[in-house]
N, C-alpha and C. Protein backbone atom coordinates (compact mmCIF):
# COMPACT_ATOMS: atom_id res chain seq x y z
N MET A 1 0.78 -1.19 0.04
CA MET A 1 -0.04 0.06 -0.01
C MET A 1 0.76 1.26 0.01
N SER A 2 0.47 2.31 -0.81
CA SER A 2 1.37 3.49 -0.95
C SER A 2 0.44 4.71 -0.39
N ASN A 3 1.11 5.86 -0.09
CA ASN A 3 0.24 6.94 0.45
C ASN A 3 0.48 8.02 -0.48
N ILE A 4 -0.52 8.88 -0.48
CA ILE A 4 -0.30 10.10 -1.27
C ILE A 4 -0.09 11.30 -0.24
N VAL A 5 1.09 11.91 -0.46
CA VAL A 5 1.35 13.04 0.84
C VAL A 5 1.27 14.32 0.06
N ILE A 6 0.43 15.04 0.95
CA ILE A 6 0.11 16.62 0.38
C ILE A 6 1.18 17.34 1.37
N PRO A 7 1.79 18.34 1.01
CA PRO A 7 2.41 19.30 1.74
C PRO A 7 1.47 20.07 2.68
N ASP A 8 2.19 20.48 3.83
CA ASP A 8 1.26 21.35 4.69
C ASP A 8 0.73 22.58 3.99
N GLY A 9 -0.40 22.89 4.21
CA GLY A 9 -0.98 24.09 3.65
C GLY A 9 -1.41 23.66 2.05
N GLY A 10 -1.54 22.28 1.79
CA GLY A 10 -1.60 22.05 0.38
C GLY A 10 -3.24 21.74 0.25
N ASN A 11 -3.61 21.44 -0.90
CA ASN A 11 -4.98 21.17 -1.45
C ASN A 11 -5.19 20.01 -2.31
N ILE A 12 -6.41 19.35 -2.18
CA ILE A 12 -6.76 18.39 -3.13
C ILE A 12 -8.04 18.94 -3.84
N GLY A 13 -8.09 18.76 -5.08
CA GLY A 13 -9.27 19.20 -5.77
C GLY A 13 -9.11 18.94 -7.37
N SER A 14 -10.13 19.54 -7.86
CA SER A 14 -10.34 19.04 -9.36
C SER A 14 -10.05 20.47 -10.22
N ALA A 15 -10.12 20.43 -11.43
CA ALA A 15 -10.06 21.69 -12.29
C ALA A 15 -11.13 22.83 -12.05
N SER A 16 -12.50 22.28 -11.62
CA SER A 16 -13.39 23.21 -11.24
C SER A 16 -13.50 23.47 -9.74
N ASP A 17 -12.77 22.82 -8.88
CA ASP A 17 -12.64 23.02 -7.39
C ASP A 17 -11.58 22.70 -6.89
N THR A 18 -10.44 23.58 -7.28
CA THR A 18 -9.18 23.43 -6.91
C THR A 18 -8.80 23.14 -5.39
N ASP A 19 -9.53 23.75 -4.43
CA ASP A 19 -9.39 23.44 -3.17
C ASP A 19 -10.38 22.63 -2.51
N ALA A 20 -10.98 21.67 -3.05
CA ALA A 20 -12.10 20.95 -2.56
C ALA A 20 -11.67 20.44 -0.96
N ILE A 21 -10.37 20.02 -0.93
CA ILE A 21 -10.14 19.79 0.61
C ILE A 21 -8.67 20.31 0.73
N SER A 22 -8.64 21.12 1.77
CA SER A 22 -7.57 22.09 2.07
C SER A 22 -6.90 21.22 3.27
N ILE A 23 -5.76 21.05 3.28
CA ILE A 23 -4.94 20.48 4.59
C ILE A 23 -3.84 21.36 5.04
N PRO A 24 -4.29 22.01 6.27
CA PRO A 24 -3.28 22.91 6.90
C PRO A 24 -2.42 22.29 7.69
N ALA A 25 -1.33 23.07 8.33
CA ALA A 25 -0.18 22.53 9.00
C ALA A 25 -0.63 21.77 10.20
N ASN A 26 -1.93 21.96 10.84
CA ASN A 26 -2.38 21.26 11.67
C ASN A 26 -2.99 19.88 11.52
N GLY A 27 -2.92 19.79 10.05
CA GLY A 27 -3.51 18.33 9.70
C GLY A 27 -5.05 18.16 9.87
N LYS A 28 -6.00 19.04 10.03
CA LYS A 28 -7.35 19.06 10.27
C LYS A 28 -7.78 19.70 9.07
N PRO A 29 -8.31 18.79 8.11
CA PRO A 29 -8.71 19.20 6.75
C PRO A 29 -9.98 19.83 6.80
N THR A 30 -10.28 20.94 5.85
CA THR A 30 -11.56 21.49 5.73
C THR A 30 -12.23 21.34 4.31
N PHE A 31 -13.25 21.30 4.16
CA PHE A 31 -14.03 21.02 2.74
C PHE A 31 -14.66 22.24 2.23
N SER A 32 -14.49 22.52 0.99
CA SER A 32 -15.21 23.71 0.39
C SER A 32 -16.65 23.29 0.14
N ALA A 33 -17.08 22.34 0.34
CA ALA A 33 -18.40 21.86 0.06
C ALA A 33 -18.62 20.75 0.82
N GLY A 34 -20.20 20.63 1.15
CA GLY A 34 -20.56 19.22 2.16
C GLY A 34 -19.96 17.85 1.69
N ILE A 35 -20.26 17.09 2.37
CA ILE A 35 -19.65 15.58 2.14
C ILE A 35 -21.01 14.80 1.69
N ALA A 36 -21.20 14.25 0.40
CA ALA A 36 -22.17 13.38 0.35
C ALA A 36 -21.83 11.95 0.72
N ASN A 37 -22.61 11.42 1.42
CA ASN A 37 -22.34 9.99 1.92
C ASN A 37 -23.41 9.04 1.28
N THR A 38 -22.71 8.08 0.40
CA THR A 38 -23.65 7.07 0.05
C THR A 38 -23.17 5.81 0.60
N GLY A 39 -22.29 5.84 1.54
CA GLY A 39 -21.78 4.66 2.17
C GLY A 39 -21.71 4.90 3.61
N THR A 40 -20.51 4.40 4.22
CA THR A 40 -20.26 4.55 5.83
C THR A 40 -19.09 5.41 5.72
N ILE A 41 -19.05 6.43 6.72
CA ILE A 41 -18.05 7.32 7.11
C ILE A 41 -17.66 7.03 8.54
N ASP A 42 -16.42 6.60 8.82
CA ASP A 42 -15.88 6.42 10.03
C ASP A 42 -15.36 7.44 10.61
N ALA A 43 -15.96 8.51 11.45
CA ALA A 43 -15.34 9.59 11.99
C ALA A 43 -14.38 9.58 12.81
N GLY A 44 -14.24 8.42 13.52
CA GLY A 44 -13.12 8.34 14.60
C GLY A 44 -13.80 9.37 15.69
N THR A 45 -12.71 9.99 16.37
CA THR A 45 -13.22 10.80 17.52
C THR A 45 -13.70 12.10 16.94
N ILE A 46 -14.86 12.54 17.30
CA ILE A 46 -15.32 13.65 16.83
C ILE A 46 -14.79 14.86 18.07
N GLY A 47 -14.56 16.09 17.52
CA GLY A 47 -13.92 17.06 18.47
C GLY A 47 -15.24 17.72 19.56
N THR A 48 -14.74 18.61 20.20
CA THR A 48 -15.62 19.14 21.26
C THR A 48 -16.90 19.66 20.77
N ALA A 49 -17.00 20.21 19.57
CA ALA A 49 -18.15 20.89 18.93
C ALA A 49 -18.77 19.94 17.88
N VAL A 50 -19.83 19.37 17.87
CA VAL A 50 -20.29 18.77 16.80
C VAL A 50 -21.22 19.98 15.77
N THR A 51 -20.49 19.92 14.61
CA THR A 51 -21.43 21.10 13.82
C THR A 51 -21.97 20.23 12.43
N GLY A 52 -22.88 21.22 12.18
CA GLY A 52 -23.85 20.74 10.71
C GLY A 52 -23.82 22.01 10.03
N SER A 53 -24.49 21.68 8.97
CA SER A 53 -24.54 22.88 7.87
C SER A 53 -25.48 24.18 8.55
N LYS A 54 -26.23 23.79 9.36
CA LYS A 54 -27.43 24.72 9.96
C LYS A 54 -27.12 25.06 11.37
N LEU A 55 -26.43 24.35 12.20
CA LEU A 55 -26.19 24.63 13.57
C LEU A 55 -24.97 24.04 13.96
N SER A 56 -24.78 24.62 15.27
CA SER A 56 -23.55 24.10 15.96
C SER A 56 -23.86 23.90 17.51
N VAL A 57 -23.31 22.78 17.87
CA VAL A 57 -23.54 22.71 19.53
C VAL A 57 -22.45 23.52 20.07
N GLN A 58 -22.85 24.53 20.71
CA GLN A 58 -21.74 25.76 21.28
C GLN A 58 -21.48 25.27 22.70
N ALA A 59 -22.53 24.86 23.33
CA ALA A 59 -22.47 24.50 24.90
C ALA A 59 -23.37 23.32 25.38
N TRP A 60 -23.04 22.65 26.26
CA TRP A 60 -24.08 21.61 26.85
C TRP A 60 -23.76 21.41 28.15
N ILE A 61 -24.66 20.88 29.11
CA ILE A 61 -24.31 20.47 30.45
C ILE A 61 -25.43 19.46 30.70
N ASN A 62 -25.06 18.81 31.72
CA ASN A 62 -25.81 17.86 32.31
C ASN A 62 -25.42 17.60 33.68
N ALA A 63 -26.41 18.04 34.55
CA ALA A 63 -26.06 18.19 35.93
C ALA A 63 -27.31 17.79 36.86
N ASN A 64 -27.08 17.53 38.25
CA ASN A 64 -28.13 17.23 39.18
C ASN A 64 -28.37 18.69 39.83
N GLY A 65 -29.60 18.82 39.69
CA GLY A 65 -30.14 20.37 40.39
C GLY A 65 -30.63 20.23 41.76
N THR A 66 -30.45 19.12 42.33
CA THR A 66 -30.91 19.16 43.73
C THR A 66 -29.88 19.32 44.82
N GLY A 67 -30.34 19.94 46.05
CA GLY A 67 -29.13 19.99 47.03
C GLY A 67 -27.97 20.80 46.40
N THR A 68 -26.71 20.39 46.49
CA THR A 68 -25.84 21.05 46.09
C THR A 68 -25.60 20.67 44.48
N VAL A 69 -25.59 21.69 43.65
CA VAL A 69 -25.74 21.41 42.26
C VAL A 69 -24.20 20.48 42.00
N ALA A 70 -24.48 19.58 41.13
CA ALA A 70 -23.32 18.81 40.69
C ALA A 70 -23.35 18.47 39.39
N THR A 71 -22.18 18.91 38.46
CA THR A 71 -22.30 18.90 37.00
C THR A 71 -21.78 17.32 36.75
N ASN A 72 -22.43 16.53 35.95
CA ASN A 72 -22.07 15.28 35.77
C ASN A 72 -21.12 15.24 34.41
N ALA A 73 -21.49 16.10 33.25
CA ALA A 73 -20.62 16.37 32.31
C ALA A 73 -20.97 17.65 31.57
N ASN A 74 -20.00 18.15 30.84
CA ASN A 74 -20.25 19.47 30.36
C ASN A 74 -19.31 19.82 29.30
N TYR A 75 -19.67 20.81 28.51
CA TYR A 75 -18.84 21.46 27.34
C TYR A 75 -19.10 23.01 27.29
N ASN A 76 -18.26 23.80 27.85
CA ASN A 76 -18.23 25.28 27.63
C ASN A 76 -19.24 25.73 28.46
N ALA A 77 -19.72 25.06 29.55
CA ALA A 77 -20.90 25.50 30.39
C ALA A 77 -20.71 25.05 31.95
N THR A 78 -21.04 26.03 32.85
CA THR A 78 -21.28 25.70 34.25
C THR A 78 -22.62 26.00 34.60
N LEU A 79 -22.95 25.35 35.79
CA LEU A 79 -24.21 25.70 36.29
C LEU A 79 -23.97 26.17 37.58
N SER A 80 -24.72 27.25 38.01
CA SER A 80 -24.97 27.79 39.30
C SER A 80 -26.36 27.70 39.99
N ASP A 81 -26.40 27.52 41.21
CA ASP A 81 -27.80 27.58 41.90
C ASP A 81 -28.11 28.81 42.40
N LEU A 82 -29.45 29.20 41.88
CA LEU A 82 -29.82 30.65 42.32
C LEU A 82 -31.02 30.63 43.33
N GLY A 83 -31.22 29.38 43.81
CA GLY A 83 -32.30 29.23 44.60
C GLY A 83 -33.24 28.18 44.03
N THR A 84 -34.37 27.64 44.94
CA THR A 84 -35.13 26.49 44.35
C THR A 84 -35.64 26.74 42.95
N GLY A 85 -35.38 25.75 42.19
CA GLY A 85 -35.90 25.64 40.77
C GLY A 85 -35.07 26.90 39.78
N ASN A 86 -34.20 27.62 40.39
CA ASN A 86 -33.47 28.61 39.52
C ASN A 86 -32.20 28.46 39.22
N TYR A 87 -31.62 28.31 38.08
CA TYR A 87 -30.26 28.12 37.83
C TYR A 87 -29.86 28.95 36.90
N LYS A 88 -28.46 29.30 36.79
CA LYS A 88 -27.77 30.13 35.67
C LYS A 88 -26.57 29.15 35.16
N ILE A 89 -26.62 29.32 33.87
CA ILE A 89 -25.67 28.58 32.99
C ILE A 89 -24.54 29.82 32.67
N THR A 90 -23.57 29.43 32.75
CA THR A 90 -22.43 30.44 32.32
C THR A 90 -21.61 29.77 31.24
N PHE A 91 -21.29 30.42 30.22
CA PHE A 91 -20.49 29.92 29.20
C PHE A 91 -18.92 30.19 29.36
N SER A 92 -18.20 29.28 29.24
CA SER A 92 -16.68 29.57 29.48
C SER A 92 -16.23 30.43 28.20
N THR A 93 -16.77 30.14 26.97
CA THR A 93 -16.56 31.05 25.87
C THR A 93 -17.72 31.57 25.58
N ALA A 94 -17.94 32.94 25.19
CA ALA A 94 -19.05 33.63 24.96
C ALA A 94 -19.76 33.28 23.43
N MET A 95 -20.69 33.24 23.42
CA MET A 95 -21.49 33.15 22.15
C MET A 95 -21.35 34.41 21.44
N SER A 96 -21.45 34.26 20.05
CA SER A 96 -21.18 35.30 19.26
C SER A 96 -22.23 36.42 19.23
N ASP A 97 -23.46 35.98 19.53
CA ASP A 97 -24.68 36.99 19.97
C ASP A 97 -25.57 36.15 20.81
N ALA A 98 -26.48 36.94 21.34
CA ALA A 98 -27.68 36.30 22.28
C ALA A 98 -28.84 35.63 21.15
N ASN A 99 -28.66 35.26 20.11
CA ASN A 99 -29.74 34.43 19.23
C ASN A 99 -29.61 33.27 19.37
N TYR A 100 -29.11 32.63 20.18
CA TYR A 100 -28.99 30.99 20.06
C TYR A 100 -30.26 30.52 20.75
N SER A 101 -30.16 29.16 20.63
CA SER A 101 -31.40 28.41 20.96
C SER A 101 -31.07 27.54 22.18
N ALA A 102 -31.69 27.27 23.13
CA ALA A 102 -31.54 26.48 24.36
C ALA A 102 -32.50 25.44 24.33
N VAL A 103 -31.94 24.20 24.41
CA VAL A 103 -32.83 23.03 24.29
C VAL A 103 -32.53 22.31 25.66
N GLY A 104 -33.77 21.80 26.05
CA GLY A 104 -33.60 21.34 27.69
C GLY A 104 -34.54 20.23 27.77
N MET A 105 -34.21 19.18 28.91
CA MET A 105 -35.04 18.43 29.25
C MET A 105 -34.49 18.29 30.74
N GLY A 106 -35.47 17.58 31.55
CA GLY A 106 -34.99 17.22 33.01
C GLY A 106 -35.82 16.12 33.47
N CYS A 107 -35.81 15.92 34.89
CA CYS A 107 -36.54 14.73 35.46
C CYS A 107 -36.57 15.24 36.97
N MET A 108 -37.99 15.02 37.57
CA MET A 108 -37.94 15.38 38.92
C MET A 108 -37.88 14.06 39.62
N ASP A 109 -37.36 14.14 40.83
CA ASP A 109 -37.48 12.58 41.74
C ASP A 109 -38.58 13.21 42.61
N ASP A 110 -39.94 13.07 42.25
CA ASP A 110 -40.93 13.11 43.26
C ASP A 110 -42.20 12.58 42.58
N ALA A 111 -42.72 11.44 43.49
CA ALA A 111 -43.48 10.57 43.08
C ALA A 111 -45.11 11.30 42.83
N SER A 112 -45.21 12.71 43.52
CA SER A 112 -46.32 13.21 43.45
C SER A 112 -46.49 14.32 41.96
N ALA A 113 -45.17 14.32 41.32
CA ALA A 113 -45.26 15.04 40.16
C ALA A 113 -45.51 14.24 38.87
N THR A 114 -46.38 13.25 38.88
CA THR A 114 -46.83 12.35 37.99
C THR A 114 -47.23 12.89 36.74
N VAL A 115 -47.80 14.27 36.84
CA VAL A 115 -48.18 14.53 35.30
C VAL A 115 -47.36 15.72 34.46
N GLY A 116 -46.30 16.24 35.34
CA GLY A 116 -45.22 16.80 34.44
C GLY A 116 -44.56 17.98 35.36
N TYR A 117 -43.74 18.63 34.64
CA TYR A 117 -42.91 19.55 35.02
C TYR A 117 -42.44 20.50 34.13
N TYR A 118 -41.81 21.76 34.38
CA TYR A 118 -41.60 22.58 33.40
C TYR A 118 -39.87 22.93 33.40
N LEU A 119 -39.31 22.87 32.40
CA LEU A 119 -37.78 23.45 32.44
C LEU A 119 -37.60 24.33 31.43
N GLY A 120 -37.28 25.49 31.62
CA GLY A 120 -37.17 26.47 30.45
C GLY A 120 -36.40 27.62 30.71
N VAL A 121 -36.25 28.67 29.89
CA VAL A 121 -35.79 29.85 30.23
C VAL A 121 -36.35 30.84 31.27
N LYS A 122 -35.70 31.27 32.19
CA LYS A 122 -36.42 31.97 33.09
C LYS A 122 -37.06 33.34 32.59
N THR A 123 -38.37 33.46 33.12
CA THR A 123 -38.96 34.74 32.65
C THR A 123 -39.58 35.29 33.93
N THR A 124 -39.69 36.55 33.83
CA THR A 124 -40.78 37.42 34.74
C THR A 124 -41.55 38.43 33.91
N SER A 125 -42.78 38.19 34.41
CA SER A 125 -43.86 39.12 33.71
C SER A 125 -43.90 39.06 32.26
N GLY A 126 -43.41 37.86 31.50
CA GLY A 126 -43.33 37.48 30.21
C GLY A 126 -42.00 38.13 29.39
N ALA A 127 -41.05 38.53 30.43
CA ALA A 127 -39.77 38.88 29.85
C ALA A 127 -38.64 38.06 30.24
N ILE A 128 -37.80 37.65 29.09
CA ILE A 128 -36.61 36.80 29.61
C ILE A 128 -35.73 37.56 30.78
N ASP A 129 -35.48 36.81 31.67
CA ASP A 129 -34.60 37.37 32.81
C ASP A 129 -33.28 37.89 32.34
N LEU A 130 -32.55 36.67 31.95
CA LEU A 130 -31.26 36.81 31.56
C LEU A 130 -31.08 35.89 30.52
N LYS A 131 -30.47 36.38 29.27
CA LYS A 131 -30.00 35.57 28.07
C LYS A 131 -29.01 36.41 27.50
N SER A 132 -27.88 36.17 27.59
CA SER A 132 -26.90 37.18 27.02
C SER A 132 -25.77 36.22 26.41
N THR A 133 -24.70 36.95 25.88
CA THR A 133 -23.66 36.02 25.25
C THR A 133 -22.76 35.27 26.19
N THR A 134 -23.02 35.54 27.69
CA THR A 134 -22.18 34.50 28.56
C THR A 134 -23.00 33.98 29.54
N GLU A 135 -24.29 34.28 29.55
CA GLU A 135 -25.12 33.47 30.48
C GLU A 135 -26.56 33.45 30.26
N LEU A 136 -27.23 32.40 30.71
CA LEU A 136 -28.58 32.08 30.54
C LEU A 136 -29.17 31.62 31.98
N GLU A 137 -30.16 32.11 32.24
CA GLU A 137 -30.96 31.71 33.38
C GLU A 137 -32.22 30.81 33.17
N ILE A 138 -32.11 29.56 33.61
CA ILE A 138 -33.30 28.60 33.48
C ILE A 138 -33.84 28.46 34.76
N MET A 139 -34.98 27.80 34.70
CA MET A 139 -35.87 27.60 35.76
C MET A 139 -36.55 26.16 35.64
N SER A 140 -37.05 25.67 36.73
CA SER A 140 -37.87 24.46 36.58
C SER A 140 -39.08 24.49 37.71
N LYS A 141 -40.25 24.08 37.33
CA LYS A 141 -41.16 24.20 38.05
C LYS A 141 -42.40 22.77 38.24
N GLY A 142 -42.74 22.60 39.30
CA GLY A 142 -43.60 21.26 39.19
C GLY A 142 -45.00 21.83 38.65
N GLN A 143 -45.90 20.77 38.38
CA GLN A 143 -47.10 20.70 37.78
C GLN A 143 -47.99 21.92 38.38
N ASP A 144 -47.74 22.13 39.70
CA ASP A 144 -48.45 23.12 40.30
C ASP A 144 -48.01 24.55 40.01
N GLY A 145 -46.85 24.56 39.30
CA GLY A 145 -46.55 25.91 38.92
C GLY A 145 -45.58 26.58 39.79
N SER A 146 -45.20 25.91 40.98
CA SER A 146 -44.12 26.43 41.99
C SER A 146 -42.82 25.88 41.46
N PRO A 147 -41.80 26.80 41.89
CA PRO A 147 -40.46 26.50 41.52
C PRO A 147 -40.18 25.27 42.28
N ARG A 148 -39.47 24.17 41.46
CA ARG A 148 -38.80 22.83 42.15
C ARG A 148 -37.47 22.64 41.64
N ASP A 149 -36.68 22.11 42.34
CA ASP A 149 -35.42 21.60 42.01
C ASP A 149 -35.82 20.25 41.22
N ILE A 150 -34.87 19.84 40.31
CA ILE A 150 -35.02 18.82 39.63
C ILE A 150 -33.53 17.93 39.60
N ILE A 151 -33.74 16.50 39.57
CA ILE A 151 -32.51 15.80 39.73
C ILE A 151 -31.74 15.58 38.58
N SER A 152 -32.38 15.91 37.34
CA SER A 152 -31.64 15.90 36.21
C SER A 152 -31.65 17.10 35.04
N ILE A 153 -30.79 17.86 35.03
CA ILE A 153 -30.88 19.11 34.17
C ILE A 153 -29.92 18.73 32.97
N ASN A 154 -30.59 18.89 31.81
CA ASN A 154 -29.67 18.58 30.32
C ASN A 154 -30.05 19.87 29.44
N VAL A 155 -29.35 20.54 29.11
CA VAL A 155 -29.32 21.79 28.38
C VAL A 155 -28.23 21.81 27.19
N ALA A 156 -28.73 22.03 26.08
CA ALA A 156 -27.89 22.20 25.06
C ALA A 156 -27.98 23.65 24.47
N ILE A 157 -26.86 24.41 23.98
CA ILE A 157 -26.99 25.39 23.35
C ILE A 157 -26.60 25.48 21.91
N LEU A 158 -27.54 25.65 20.99
CA LEU A 158 -27.23 25.63 19.53
C LEU A 158 -27.17 26.98 18.84
N ARG A 159 -26.31 27.18 18.00
CA ARG A 159 -26.07 28.46 17.21
C ARG A 159 -25.58 28.06 15.86
């Protein structure tokens, strides 16, 4: 088996797209267009941000929100306890703007909360309390509408 060796900063392409694949000195290739997959692509290890053509996961956190808040796993996010059912996510690296989407889910450890709970962006009188490039406040409520701590907080920030 032989190898094709491209010099650092080199490109692989065709007459109509001379830099279809660019290989910089760090060895991480970039593509001038999307990748059409008709078979299997073995991606190996995907880096810290999973990206697509329409969105990118900029931050995420999985934490226990009861008692002393404990982060189970995270990327670019930490969680602070602001009181019963109120939490603040702080981004290690700021977002480019505050027009990101926050997607979340959670779980209550309460046998009486059999019908549901709420986990979402914290609001007061219909206005978002804090959603900035560096922080986002979230809240959780039981089915009766009162603030409740939840045992599992899972939030992803997409931009």
